[in-house]
Amino acid sequence: MQCLILAGGLATRMRPITETIPKALIPVAGKPFVDHQLGWLAAHGVTDVVLSIGYLGGAIRDHVGDGAPLGLRVRYVDEGTRLRGTAGAVRLAYDEGVLEPRFLVTYGDSFLPIDFAAVWNAFTTSGAPALMTVFHNQGRWDTSNVIFEGGDGAGRIVLYDKQRRTRPPASFSFIDYGLSAFDRQVIADGVPAGATADLADLFHGLSIKGQLAGMQVAERFYEIGSPAGLEDFAAWLHARG
């Protein structure tokens, strides 16, 4: 089970901390965030990780290494100073030949306290070329942007519209949870080589075509992309002991 982690961003909201370290290395509860993230992935079935790095990416590579102490195989795709957007970064990983025929995608500032293996199983049994995890947000943590059809667990994404331009805002009660799954061919066909592109546009197109499966999760997400998010995640770790 492979997971691509998009960790190349500039992390401007976390300055001045991120003037000298990348966001993935921000310390939380005594160790860099990426250690918490990779430890969770390794404990929930992920065996192969591709880290898409850019801003201060060398520091991530030096810290994580090959992932062997965690029982992971870790490889790197480096965008350098030319950031290509989320979909462009996935396409670069495709072009560099490191993506498996099926893979998961998450973000380098997201901690998702769910079973990644369950998401993988939902994807492989869905018959769809892509899957998005969703949370019944109802505007609580961020702007809801998904219309989801289904009960607890598996279903389908009726519409993903990040900007909510095609339906009334009240139509959206779910939010993209931050973990998705793809057939590699979706990236080959849907994201031009060398392009600067956003996964939001790819998800939108797939949802309109009826090609985007969905999986509802019950646990809220955590992120360290903002000071408030970092505080929430630290509190969650403390509560777990």
Protein backbone atom coordinates (compact mmCIF):
# COMPACT_ATOMS: atom_id res chain seq x y z
CA MET A 1 0.00 0.00 0.00
CA GLN A 2 1.60 3.21 -1.22
CA CYS A 3 0.94 6.75 0.00
CA LEU A 4 2.17 9.91 -1.70
CA ILE A 5 2.56 12.79 0.77
CA LEU A 6 2.49 16.30 -0.68
CA ALA A 7 4.95 18.25 1.48
CA GLY A 8 6.47 20.88 -0.78
CA GLY A 9 4.55 24.01 0.20
CA LEU A 10 5.95 27.29 1.50
CA ALA A 11 3.96 27.24 4.78
CA THR A 12 3.62 31.02 4.88
CA ARG A 13 0.92 30.91 7.59
CA MET A 14 3.40 29.27 9.98
CA ARG A 15 6.14 31.88 9.73
CA PRO A 16 8.47 32.70 11.43
CA ILE A 17 8.84 28.99 12.39
CA THR A 18 8.97 27.94 8.75
CA GLU A 19 11.57 30.48 7.74
CA THR A 20 14.21 27.95 8.77
CA ILE A 21 12.44 24.55 8.77
CA PRO A 22 9.80 23.04 6.48
CA LYS A 23 6.30 22.57 7.85
CA ALA A 24 6.72 18.78 8.10
CA LEU A 25 9.47 19.28 10.69
CA ILE A 26 7.56 21.58 13.03
CA PRO A 27 7.94 20.03 16.49
CA VAL A 28 4.78 18.70 18.15
CA ALA A 29 4.88 16.93 21.52
CA GLY A 30 8.63 16.61 21.38
CA LYS A 31 9.19 15.35 17.84
CA PRO A 32 8.78 16.57 14.25
CA PHE A 33 5.28 16.38 12.84
CA VAL A 34 6.35 14.04 10.03
CA ASP A 35 7.35 11.42 12.62
CA HIS A 36 3.81 11.37 13.98
CA GLN A 37 2.41 11.15 10.47
CA LEU A 38 4.70 8.38 9.22
CA GLY A 39 4.28 6.40 12.42
CA TRP A 40 0.51 6.43 11.97
CA LEU A 41 0.77 5.37 8.32
CA ALA A 42 3.12 2.50 9.17
CA ALA A 43 0.75 1.32 11.91
CA HIS A 44 -2.20 1.26 9.51
CA GLY A 45 -0.93 -0.75 6.60
CA VAL A 46 1.12 1.67 4.50
CA THR A 47 4.42 0.14 3.43
CA ASP A 48 5.63 2.48 0.68
CA VAL A 49 5.81 6.28 0.98
CA VAL A 50 6.70 8.87 -1.64
CA LEU A 51 7.43 12.30 -0.15
CA SER A 52 6.89 15.14 -2.61
CA ILE A 53 9.18 17.87 -1.33
CA GLY A 54 10.07 21.40 -2.41
CA TYR A 55 10.60 24.26 0.04
CA LEU A 56 13.48 23.29 2.37
CA GLY A 57 12.95 19.74 1.20
CA GLY A 58 16.50 18.68 1.87
CA ALA A 59 15.86 18.94 5.59
CA ILE A 60 12.95 16.49 5.29
CA ARG A 61 15.09 14.08 3.30
CA ASP A 62 17.91 14.30 5.85
CA HIS A 63 15.57 13.68 8.78
CA VAL A 64 13.39 10.89 7.37
CA GLY A 65 15.98 9.06 5.30
CA ASP A 66 14.83 5.81 3.74
CA GLY A 67 12.15 5.11 6.35
CA ALA A 68 13.63 1.79 7.41
CA PRO A 69 13.42 2.42 11.19
CA LEU A 70 9.65 2.69 10.77
CA GLY A 71 9.41 -0.34 8.51
CA LEU A 72 8.68 1.89 5.52
CA ARG A 73 10.24 2.33 2.12
CA VAL A 74 10.51 6.11 1.60
CA ARG A 75 11.43 7.76 -1.69
CA TYR A 76 11.43 11.41 -2.74
CA VAL A 77 10.28 13.59 -5.60
CA ASP A 78 11.73 17.10 -5.42
CA GLU A 79 9.91 20.03 -7.04
CA GLY A 80 12.78 22.36 -6.15
CA THR A 81 11.80 26.02 -6.29
CA ARG A 82 9.20 25.55 -9.03
CA LEU A 83 6.09 24.43 -7.20
CA ARG A 84 3.53 22.92 -9.56
CA GLY A 85 0.41 22.79 -7.40
CA THR A 86 -1.04 19.65 -5.86
CA ALA A 87 -1.95 17.88 -9.10
CA GLY A 88 1.27 19.02 -10.77
CA ALA A 89 3.26 17.47 -7.93
CA VAL A 90 1.43 14.17 -8.36
CA ARG A 91 2.12 14.30 -12.09
CA LEU A 92 5.83 14.86 -11.41
CA ALA A 93 5.82 11.73 -9.24
CA TYR A 94 4.19 9.88 -12.14
CA ASP A 95 6.76 11.19 -14.61
CA GLU A 96 9.61 10.11 -12.32
CA GLY A 97 8.25 6.57 -12.27
CA VAL A 98 7.69 6.19 -8.53
CA LEU A 99 3.92 5.70 -8.45
CA GLU A 100 2.39 2.25 -8.13
CA PRO A 101 -0.64 1.36 -10.32
CA ARG A 102 -2.84 2.38 -7.36
CA PHE A 103 -1.86 4.75 -4.57
CA LEU A 104 -3.12 7.01 -1.79
CA VAL A 105 -2.50 10.77 -1.56
CA THR A 106 -2.44 12.94 1.54
CA TYR A 107 -0.86 16.22 2.63
CA GLY A 108 2.30 16.94 4.56
CA ASP A 109 0.48 19.07 7.14
CA SER A 110 -2.48 16.71 7.74
CA PHE A 111 -2.92 14.16 10.49
CA LEU A 112 -5.85 11.88 9.80
CA PRO A 113 -6.69 9.56 12.72
CA ILE A 114 -8.36 6.86 10.64
CA ASP A 115 -7.47 3.42 9.32
CA PHE A 116 -5.70 3.94 6.00
CA ALA A 117 -6.11 0.23 5.21
CA ALA A 118 -9.90 0.60 5.38
CA VAL A 119 -9.74 3.47 2.89
CA TRP A 120 -7.54 1.38 0.61
CA ASN A 121 -10.00 -1.52 0.77
CA ALA A 122 -12.93 0.79 0.00
CA PHE A 123 -11.10 2.09 -3.05
CA THR A 124 -10.10 -1.30 -4.41
CA THR A 125 -13.64 -2.62 -4.09
CA SER A 126 -15.38 0.52 -5.42
CA GLY A 127 -14.66 -0.10 -9.10
CA ALA A 128 -14.02 3.62 -9.52
CA PRO A 129 -10.74 5.12 -10.79
CA ALA A 130 -10.51 7.48 -7.82
CA LEU A 131 -11.87 7.85 -4.29
CA MET A 132 -12.18 10.81 -1.93
CA THR A 133 -12.65 10.52 1.82
CA VAL A 134 -15.22 12.97 3.19
CA PHE A 135 -16.29 14.24 6.59
CA HIS A 136 -19.79 15.43 7.54
CA ASN A 137 -18.50 18.87 8.29
CA GLN A 138 -21.56 21.13 8.13
CA GLY A 139 -19.27 24.16 8.12
CA ARG A 140 -17.59 23.35 11.44
CA TRP A 141 -13.88 23.06 10.58
CA ASP A 142 -13.71 24.68 7.16
CA THR A 143 -15.97 25.44 4.19
CA SER A 144 -17.97 22.40 3.11
CA ASN A 145 -17.40 21.62 -0.57
CA VAL A 146 -18.77 18.11 -1.27
CA ILE A 147 -22.15 16.60 -2.04
CA PHE A 148 -21.91 12.97 -0.94
CA GLU A 149 -24.40 10.20 -1.50
CA GLY A 150 -24.22 7.14 0.73
CA GLY A 151 -24.42 6.04 4.33
CA ASP A 152 -21.62 5.42 6.77
CA GLY A 153 -18.60 4.27 4.84
CA ALA A 154 -18.71 3.81 1.07
CA GLY A 155 -20.71 5.88 -1.40
CA ARG A 156 -20.10 8.28 -4.25
CA ILE A 157 -19.21 11.92 -4.67
CA VAL A 158 -22.12 13.55 -6.49
CA LEU A 159 -20.20 16.81 -6.77
CA TYR A 160 -16.93 18.24 -5.54
CA ASP A 161 -16.78 21.99 -6.01
CA LYS A 162 -14.12 23.72 -3.94
CA GLN A 163 -15.46 27.19 -4.71
CA ARG A 164 -19.16 26.15 -4.55
CA ARG A 165 -19.87 27.91 -7.82
CA THR A 166 -22.19 25.37 -9.44
CA ARG A 167 -24.73 24.74 -6.63
CA PRO A 168 -26.12 26.84 -3.77
CA PRO A 169 -23.78 26.77 -0.74
CA ALA A 170 -26.49 25.10 1.34
CA SER A 171 -26.22 22.02 -0.92
CA PHE A 172 -22.77 21.20 0.50
CA SER A 173 -22.53 19.60 3.94
CA PHE A 174 -19.43 17.42 3.50
CA ILE A 175 -15.78 18.37 3.15
CA ASP A 176 -12.77 16.75 1.49
CA TYR A 177 -11.06 15.00 4.40
CA GLY A 178 -7.57 15.09 2.92
CA LEU A 179 -6.99 11.47 1.90
CA SER A 180 -7.71 10.25 -1.61
CA ALA A 181 -6.86 7.27 -3.80
CA PHE A 182 -6.15 7.01 -7.51
CA ASP A 183 -5.53 4.67 -10.34
CA ARG A 184 -2.24 5.86 -11.80
CA GLN A 185 -3.84 6.20 -15.25
CA VAL A 186 -6.09 8.98 -13.94
CA ILE A 187 -2.99 11.13 -13.44
CA ALA A 188 -1.54 10.16 -16.81
CA ASP A 189 -4.77 11.13 -18.59
CA GLY A 190 -5.97 14.03 -16.45
CA VAL A 191 -2.87 16.09 -15.59
CA PRO A 192 -0.59 17.30 -18.42
CA ALA A 193 3.14 16.73 -18.01
CA GLY A 194 4.90 19.83 -16.70
CA ALA A 195 1.64 21.53 -15.81
CA THR A 196 0.88 23.63 -12.77
CA ALA A 197 -2.43 22.19 -11.68
CA ASP A 198 -4.65 21.67 -8.65
CA LEU A 199 -6.19 18.42 -7.50
CA ALA A 200 -9.41 20.37 -6.86
CA ASP A 201 -9.93 20.71 -10.61
CA LEU A 202 -9.22 17.02 -11.19
CA PHE A 203 -11.67 16.00 -8.45
CA HIS A 204 -14.32 18.33 -9.84
CA GLY A 205 -14.06 16.78 -13.29
CA LEU A 206 -14.13 13.23 -11.96
CA SER A 207 -17.21 13.96 -9.84
CA ILE A 208 -19.10 15.41 -12.81
CA LYS A 209 -18.27 12.26 -14.83
CA GLY A 210 -19.48 9.99 -12.00
CA GLN A 211 -15.99 8.56 -11.61
CA LEU A 212 -15.25 9.60 -8.02
CA ALA A 213 -16.13 7.15 -5.25
CA GLY A 214 -16.55 8.45 -1.73
CA MET A 215 -15.94 7.17 1.77
CA GLN A 216 -17.37 8.92 4.80
CA VAL A 217 -15.20 9.00 7.91
CA ALA A 218 -16.31 9.87 11.42
CA GLU A 219 -13.14 11.26 13.01
CA ARG A 220 -12.30 14.94 12.58
CA PHE A 221 -9.06 15.81 10.83
CA TYR A 222 -6.08 17.64 12.29
CA GLU A 223 -3.63 19.93 10.55
CA ILE A 224 -0.58 22.01 11.40
CA GLY A 225 -0.94 24.54 8.61
CA SER A 226 -2.12 27.22 11.04
CA PRO A 227 -1.27 28.09 14.64
CA ALA A 228 -4.78 27.11 15.76
CA GLY A 229 -4.50 23.78 13.95
CA LEU A 230 -1.13 23.07 15.53
CA GLU A 231 -2.60 23.76 18.97
CA ASP A 232 -5.55 21.42 18.33
CA PHE A 233 -3.29 18.59 17.19
CA ALA A 234 -0.99 19.01 20.18
CA ALA A 235 -4.02 18.84 22.47
CA TRP A 236 -5.22 15.64 20.76
CA LEU A 237 -1.80 14.03 21.25
CA HIS A 238 -1.75 15.07 24.89
CA ALA A 239 -5.21 13.60 25.47
CA ARG A 240 -4.04 10.27 24.05
CA GLY A 241 -1.13 10.24 26.46
